[in-house]
Amino acid sequence: MKKTTLLALIVLAVIALMAGCKKSEIVIVGLDEAKNARIGVMTGSTGEALTIKRFPKAQVKSFDDIMDAVAAMKSGQIDAIVTAFPAALQVSKKNPELGLLSEPLDYEDTAIVVKKGNGELLATLNRIIAELKSDGTLESMKKRWFKPDLTPYEEMDIKLPTEGKPLKIGVSATR
């Protein structure tokens, strides 16, 4: 049985490919088996830098999109992929032949950037984050959004503000 792996970042987790049986393919059941693997990463990501540093003997191939790396893994061109845990979780849910390894590759913090001099917004964000942690909302969100299966997400009845200054947020749609 062939087992290849999808390593993930944020909590760098691992997905293993559970189908196939070519004897020449690398079997990855833990991070130690990835040291000589062909590993796919997203171009310019922290996962790319970490993979090059952590697995110096591996063949690292960069992709612009995680799904290109998944296609390469499924076609036998690579043995593993390093990506963010949420992406790895979604890939494993939609590809039943893949499964997450429990061993994390690394941990990466996520940040919110606030324009210098905007101490009021920074204080408000810090207060909201502290409240979300203390009342269990963040843990509830994690359980709701990082589900290991494809059952429908629980929809929350969220009361949106009707007044106040709009907050502009920038995101990257592909990363």
C-alpha atoms as a PDB file:
ATOM      1  CA  MET A   1       0.000   0.000   0.000  1.00  0.00           C
ATOM      2  CA  LYS A   2       1.381   3.424  -0.956  1.00  0.00           C
ATOM      3  CA  LYS A   3       1.259   6.151   1.675  1.00  0.00           C
ATOM      4  CA  THR A   4       2.380   9.623   0.680  1.00  0.00           C
ATOM      5  CA  THR A   5       1.921  12.700   2.745  1.00  0.00           C
ATOM      6  CA  LEU A   6       0.563  16.220   2.737  1.00  0.00           C
ATOM      7  CA  LEU A   7       2.304  18.242   5.454  1.00  0.00           C
ATOM      8  CA  ALA A   8       0.460  21.311   6.703  1.00  0.00           C
ATOM      9  CA  LEU A   9       1.396  24.647   8.186  1.00  0.00           C
ATOM     10  CA  ILE A  10      -0.129  26.877  10.910  1.00  0.00           C
ATOM     11  CA  VAL A  11      -0.195  23.728  12.787  1.00  0.00           C
ATOM     12  CA  LEU A  12       1.866  22.018  10.129  1.00  0.00           C
ATOM     13  CA  ALA A  13      -0.101  18.773   9.946  1.00  0.00           C
ATOM     14  CA  VAL A  14       0.302  15.861   7.550  1.00  0.00           C
ATOM     15  CA  ILE A  15      -2.013  14.109   5.072  1.00  0.00           C
ATOM     16  CA  ALA A  16      -1.187  10.606   3.795  1.00  0.00           C
ATOM     17  CA  LEU A  17      -2.300   9.145   0.448  1.00  0.00           C
ATOM     18  CA  MET A  18      -3.843   5.762   1.212  1.00  0.00           C
ATOM     19  CA  ALA A  19      -4.216   4.219  -2.285  1.00  0.00           C
ATOM     20  CA  GLY A  20      -1.819   2.552  -4.723  1.00  0.00           C
ATOM     21  CA  CYS A  21       0.855  -0.062  -4.272  1.00  0.00           C
ATOM     22  CA  LYS A  22       4.013   0.781  -6.233  1.00  0.00           C
ATOM     23  CA  LYS A  23       6.990  -0.675  -4.363  1.00  0.00           C
ATOM     24  CA  SER A  24       9.305   2.136  -5.516  1.00  0.00           C
ATOM     25  CA  GLU A  25       7.268   4.868  -3.837  1.00  0.00           C
ATOM     26  CA  ILE A  26       8.257   6.366  -0.497  1.00  0.00           C
ATOM     27  CA  VAL A  27       6.030   5.381   2.424  1.00  0.00           C
ATOM     28  CA  ILE A  28       5.488   8.369   4.706  1.00  0.00           C
ATOM     29  CA  VAL A  29       3.807   7.672   8.015  1.00  0.00           C
ATOM     30  CA  GLY A  30       5.707  10.326   9.978  1.00  0.00           C
ATOM     31  CA  LEU A  31       7.932  13.326   9.400  1.00  0.00           C
ATOM     32  CA  ASP A  32      11.142  11.255   9.529  1.00  0.00           C
ATOM     33  CA  GLU A  33      10.115   9.486   6.317  1.00  0.00           C
ATOM     34  CA  ALA A  34       9.864  12.857   4.506  1.00  0.00           C
ATOM     35  CA  LYS A  35      13.594  13.649   4.716  1.00  0.00           C
ATOM     36  CA  ASN A  36      14.340  12.186   1.253  1.00  0.00           C
ATOM     37  CA  ALA A  37      10.895  12.733  -0.276  1.00  0.00           C
ATOM     38  CA  ARG A  38       9.710  14.829  -3.200  1.00  0.00           C
ATOM     39  CA  ILE A  39       7.832  17.596  -1.395  1.00  0.00           C
ATOM     40  CA  GLY A  40       5.471  20.158  -2.922  1.00  0.00           C
ATOM     41  CA  VAL A  41       5.122  23.620  -1.375  1.00  0.00           C
ATOM     42  CA  MET A  42       3.422  26.920  -2.216  1.00  0.00           C
ATOM     43  CA  THR A  43       5.761  29.418  -3.856  1.00  0.00           C
ATOM     44  CA  GLY A  44       6.913  32.116  -1.432  1.00  0.00           C
ATOM     45  CA  SER A  45       5.207  30.592   1.612  1.00  0.00           C
ATOM     46  CA  THR A  46       6.699  30.090   5.046  1.00  0.00           C
ATOM     47  CA  GLY A  47       6.052  26.392   4.412  1.00  0.00           C
ATOM     48  CA  GLU A  48       8.444  26.563   1.458  1.00  0.00           C
ATOM     49  CA  ALA A  49      11.204  28.108   3.592  1.00  0.00           C
ATOM     50  CA  LEU A  50      10.614  25.668   6.445  1.00  0.00           C
ATOM     51  CA  THR A  51      10.608  22.653   4.117  1.00  0.00           C
ATOM     52  CA  ILE A  52      13.913  23.646   2.513  1.00  0.00           C
ATOM     53  CA  LYS A  53      15.460  24.137   5.968  1.00  0.00           C
ATOM     54  CA  ARG A  54      13.918  21.082   7.675  1.00  0.00           C
ATOM     55  CA  PHE A  55      14.398  18.624   4.781  1.00  0.00           C
ATOM     56  CA  PRO A  56      17.672  19.614   3.059  1.00  0.00           C
ATOM     57  CA  LYS A  57      17.926  16.263   1.210  1.00  0.00           C
ATOM     58  CA  ALA A  58      14.347  16.393  -0.087  1.00  0.00           C
ATOM     59  CA  GLN A  59      13.472  17.434  -3.627  1.00  0.00           C
ATOM     60  CA  VAL A  60      11.330  20.555  -3.109  1.00  0.00           C
ATOM     61  CA  LYS A  61       8.980  21.604  -5.918  1.00  0.00           C
ATOM     62  CA  SER A  62       7.134  24.939  -5.690  1.00  0.00           C
ATOM     63  CA  PHE A  63       3.549  25.436  -6.886  1.00  0.00           C
ATOM     64  CA  ASP A  64       1.450  28.603  -7.241  1.00  0.00           C
ATOM     65  CA  ASP A  65      -1.651  26.845  -5.894  1.00  0.00           C
ATOM     66  CA  ILE A  66      -2.074  24.066  -3.357  1.00  0.00           C
ATOM     67  CA  MET A  67      -4.438  22.179  -5.647  1.00  0.00           C
ATOM     68  CA  ASP A  68      -1.707  21.945  -8.308  1.00  0.00           C
ATOM     69  CA  ALA A  69       0.462  20.274  -5.673  1.00  0.00           C
ATOM     70  CA  VAL A  70      -2.382  17.914  -4.739  1.00  0.00           C
ATOM     71  CA  ALA A  71      -2.785  16.926  -8.408  1.00  0.00           C
ATOM     72  CA  ALA A  72       0.978  16.332  -8.632  1.00  0.00           C
ATOM     73  CA  MET A  73       0.862  14.147  -5.515  1.00  0.00           C
ATOM     74  CA  LYS A  74      -2.109  12.140  -6.769  1.00  0.00           C
ATOM     75  CA  SER A  75      -0.335  11.542 -10.093  1.00  0.00           C
ATOM     76  CA  GLY A  76       2.842  10.333  -8.343  1.00  0.00           C
ATOM     77  CA  GLN A  77       5.056  13.340  -9.190  1.00  0.00           C
ATOM     78  CA  ILE A  78       5.594  14.261  -5.525  1.00  0.00           C
ATOM     79  CA  ASP A  79       5.335  12.391  -2.240  1.00  0.00           C
ATOM     80  CA  ALA A  80       4.264  15.150   0.147  1.00  0.00           C
ATOM     81  CA  ILE A  81       2.971  18.716   0.378  1.00  0.00           C
ATOM     82  CA  VAL A  82       3.545  21.393   3.009  1.00  0.00           C
ATOM     83  CA  THR A  83       0.616  23.764   3.470  1.00  0.00           C
ATOM     84  CA  ALA A  84      -1.527  25.416   6.152  1.00  0.00           C
ATOM     85  CA  PHE A  85      -3.569  23.124   8.389  1.00  0.00           C
ATOM     86  CA  PRO A  86      -6.937  24.553   7.232  1.00  0.00           C
ATOM     87  CA  ALA A  87      -6.012  23.862   3.588  1.00  0.00           C
ATOM     88  CA  ALA A  88      -4.742  20.366   4.413  1.00  0.00           C
ATOM     89  CA  LEU A  89      -7.927  19.625   6.354  1.00  0.00           C
ATOM     90  CA  GLN A  90     -10.149  20.728   3.462  1.00  0.00           C
ATOM     91  CA  VAL A  91      -8.083  18.738   0.943  1.00  0.00           C
ATOM     92  CA  SER A  92      -8.315  15.601   3.094  1.00  0.00           C
ATOM     93  CA  LYS A  93     -12.086  16.000   3.504  1.00  0.00           C
ATOM     94  CA  LYS A  94     -12.656  16.269  -0.248  1.00  0.00           C
ATOM     95  CA  ASN A  95     -10.177  13.513  -1.155  1.00  0.00           C
ATOM     96  CA  PRO A  96     -11.092  10.399   0.841  1.00  0.00           C
ATOM     97  CA  GLU A  97      -7.835   8.674  -0.105  1.00  0.00           C
ATOM     98  CA  LEU A  98      -5.968  11.306   1.935  1.00  0.00           C
ATOM     99  CA  GLY A  99      -5.695  11.468   5.703  1.00  0.00           C
ATOM    100  CA  LEU A 100      -3.943  13.875   8.089  1.00  0.00           C
ATOM    101  CA  LEU A 101      -0.932  12.679  10.032  1.00  0.00           C
ATOM    102  CA  SER A 102      -1.188  13.690  13.663  1.00  0.00           C
ATOM    103  CA  GLU A 103       2.451  14.807  13.952  1.00  0.00           C
ATOM    104  CA  PRO A 104       2.751  18.583  13.323  1.00  0.00           C
ATOM    105  CA  LEU A 105       5.687  19.855  11.273  1.00  0.00           C
ATOM    106  CA  ASP A 106       5.694  23.234  13.036  1.00  0.00           C
ATOM    107  CA  TYR A 107       3.484  25.927  14.511  1.00  0.00           C
ATOM    108  CA  GLU A 108       2.998  29.338  12.960  1.00  0.00           C
ATOM    109  CA  ASP A 109       1.305  32.334  14.509  1.00  0.00           C
ATOM    110  CA  THR A 110      -1.330  34.290  12.633  1.00  0.00           C
ATOM    111  CA  ALA A 111      -1.299  38.065  13.036  1.00  0.00           C
ATOM    112  CA  ILE A 112      -3.467  41.124  12.647  1.00  0.00           C
ATOM    113  CA  VAL A 113      -1.642  44.274  11.529  1.00  0.00           C
ATOM    114  CA  VAL A 114      -2.869  47.666  12.696  1.00  0.00           C
ATOM    115  CA  LYS A 115      -1.715  50.985  11.229  1.00  0.00           C
ATOM    116  CA  LYS A 116       0.815  52.753  13.499  1.00  0.00           C
ATOM    117  CA  GLY A 117      -0.809  55.312  15.741  1.00  0.00           C
ATOM    118  CA  ASN A 118      -4.175  53.549  15.802  1.00  0.00           C
ATOM    119  CA  GLY A 119      -3.944  52.539  19.452  1.00  0.00           C
ATOM    120  CA  GLU A 120      -7.708  52.623  19.864  1.00  0.00           C
ATOM    121  CA  LEU A 121      -8.239  49.931  17.210  1.00  0.00           C
ATOM    122  CA  LEU A 122      -5.371  47.857  18.627  1.00  0.00           C
ATOM    123  CA  ALA A 123      -6.838  48.037  22.143  1.00  0.00           C
ATOM    124  CA  THR A 124     -10.291  47.126  20.807  1.00  0.00           C
ATOM    125  CA  LEU A 125      -8.930  44.127  18.882  1.00  0.00           C
ATOM    126  CA  ASN A 126      -6.951  42.916  21.895  1.00  0.00           C
ATOM    127  CA  ARG A 127     -10.052  43.254  24.095  1.00  0.00           C
ATOM    128  CA  ILE A 128     -12.241  41.358  21.608  1.00  0.00           C
ATOM    129  CA  ILE A 129      -9.687  38.547  21.211  1.00  0.00           C
ATOM    130  CA  ALA A 130      -9.373  38.224  25.004  1.00  0.00           C
ATOM    131  CA  GLU A 131     -13.177  38.053  25.338  1.00  0.00           C
ATOM    132  CA  LEU A 132     -13.475  35.451  22.553  1.00  0.00           C
ATOM    133  CA  LYS A 133     -10.866  33.309  24.302  1.00  0.00           C
ATOM    134  CA  SER A 134     -12.293  33.670  27.797  1.00  0.00           C
ATOM    135  CA  ASP A 135     -15.934  32.953  26.911  1.00  0.00           C
ATOM    136  CA  GLY A 136     -15.078  29.892  24.777  1.00  0.00           C
ATOM    137  CA  THR A 137     -16.122  31.455  21.451  1.00  0.00           C
ATOM    138  CA  LEU A 138     -12.731  30.846  19.785  1.00  0.00           C
ATOM    139  CA  GLU A 139     -12.767  27.181  20.790  1.00  0.00           C
ATOM    140  CA  SER A 140     -16.341  26.866  19.512  1.00  0.00           C
ATOM    141  CA  MET A 141     -15.333  28.475  16.199  1.00  0.00           C
ATOM    142  CA  LYS A 142     -12.421  26.058  15.861  1.00  0.00           C
ATOM    143  CA  LYS A 143     -14.728  23.065  16.341  1.00  0.00           C
ATOM    144  CA  ARG A 144     -17.253  24.517  13.887  1.00  0.00           C
ATOM    145  CA  TRP A 145     -14.819  25.449  11.091  1.00  0.00           C
ATOM    146  CA  PHE A 146     -12.128  22.777  11.398  1.00  0.00           C
ATOM    147  CA  LYS A 147     -14.472  19.782  11.281  1.00  0.00           C
ATOM    148  CA  PRO A 148     -12.908  16.546  10.023  1.00  0.00           C
ATOM    149  CA  ASP A 149     -15.928  15.652   7.856  1.00  0.00           C
ATOM    150  CA  LEU A 150     -18.187  17.145   5.181  1.00  0.00           C
ATOM    151  CA  THR A 151     -21.350  17.516   7.257  1.00  0.00           C
ATOM    152  CA  PRO A 152     -22.933  20.981   6.918  1.00  0.00           C
ATOM    153  CA  TYR A 153     -21.462  23.764   9.006  1.00  0.00           C
ATOM    154  CA  GLU A 154     -23.572  25.021  11.873  1.00  0.00           C
ATOM    155  CA  GLU A 155     -24.890  28.439  10.941  1.00  0.00           C
ATOM    156  CA  MET A 156     -24.766  30.964  13.743  1.00  0.00           C
ATOM    157  CA  ASP A 157     -27.244  33.789  14.192  1.00  0.00           C
ATOM    158  CA  ILE A 158     -24.814  36.704  14.383  1.00  0.00           C
ATOM    159  CA  LYS A 159     -26.132  40.183  15.059  1.00  0.00           C
ATOM    160  CA  LEU A 160     -24.199  42.587  12.859  1.00  0.00           C
ATOM    161  CA  PRO A 161     -23.483  46.132  14.059  1.00  0.00           C
ATOM    162  CA  THR A 162     -25.821  48.790  12.695  1.00  0.00           C
ATOM    163  CA  GLU A 163     -23.589  51.740  13.546  1.00  0.00           C
ATOM    164  CA  GLY A 164     -19.929  52.655  13.809  1.00  0.00           C
ATOM    165  CA  LYS A 165     -17.031  53.165  11.436  1.00  0.00           C
ATOM    166  CA  PRO A 166     -16.469  50.404   8.804  1.00  0.00           C
ATOM    167  CA  LEU A 167     -13.334  48.295   9.273  1.00  0.00           C
ATOM    168  CA  LYS A 168     -11.404  47.597   6.055  1.00  0.00           C
ATOM    169  CA  ILE A 169      -9.602  44.241   5.977  1.00  0.00           C
ATOM    170  CA  GLY A 170      -7.185  42.887   3.346  1.00  0.00           C
ATOM    171  CA  VAL A 171      -6.838  39.166   2.658  1.00  0.00           C
ATOM    172  CA  SER A 172      -5.161  36.950   0.106  1.00  0.00           C
ATOM    173  CA  ALA A 173      -7.696  34.826  -1.738  1.00  0.00           C
ATOM    174  CA  THR A 174      -5.204  32.131  -2.739  1.00  0.00           C
ATOM    175  CA  ARG A 175      -3.077  31.801   0.393  1.00  0.00           C
END
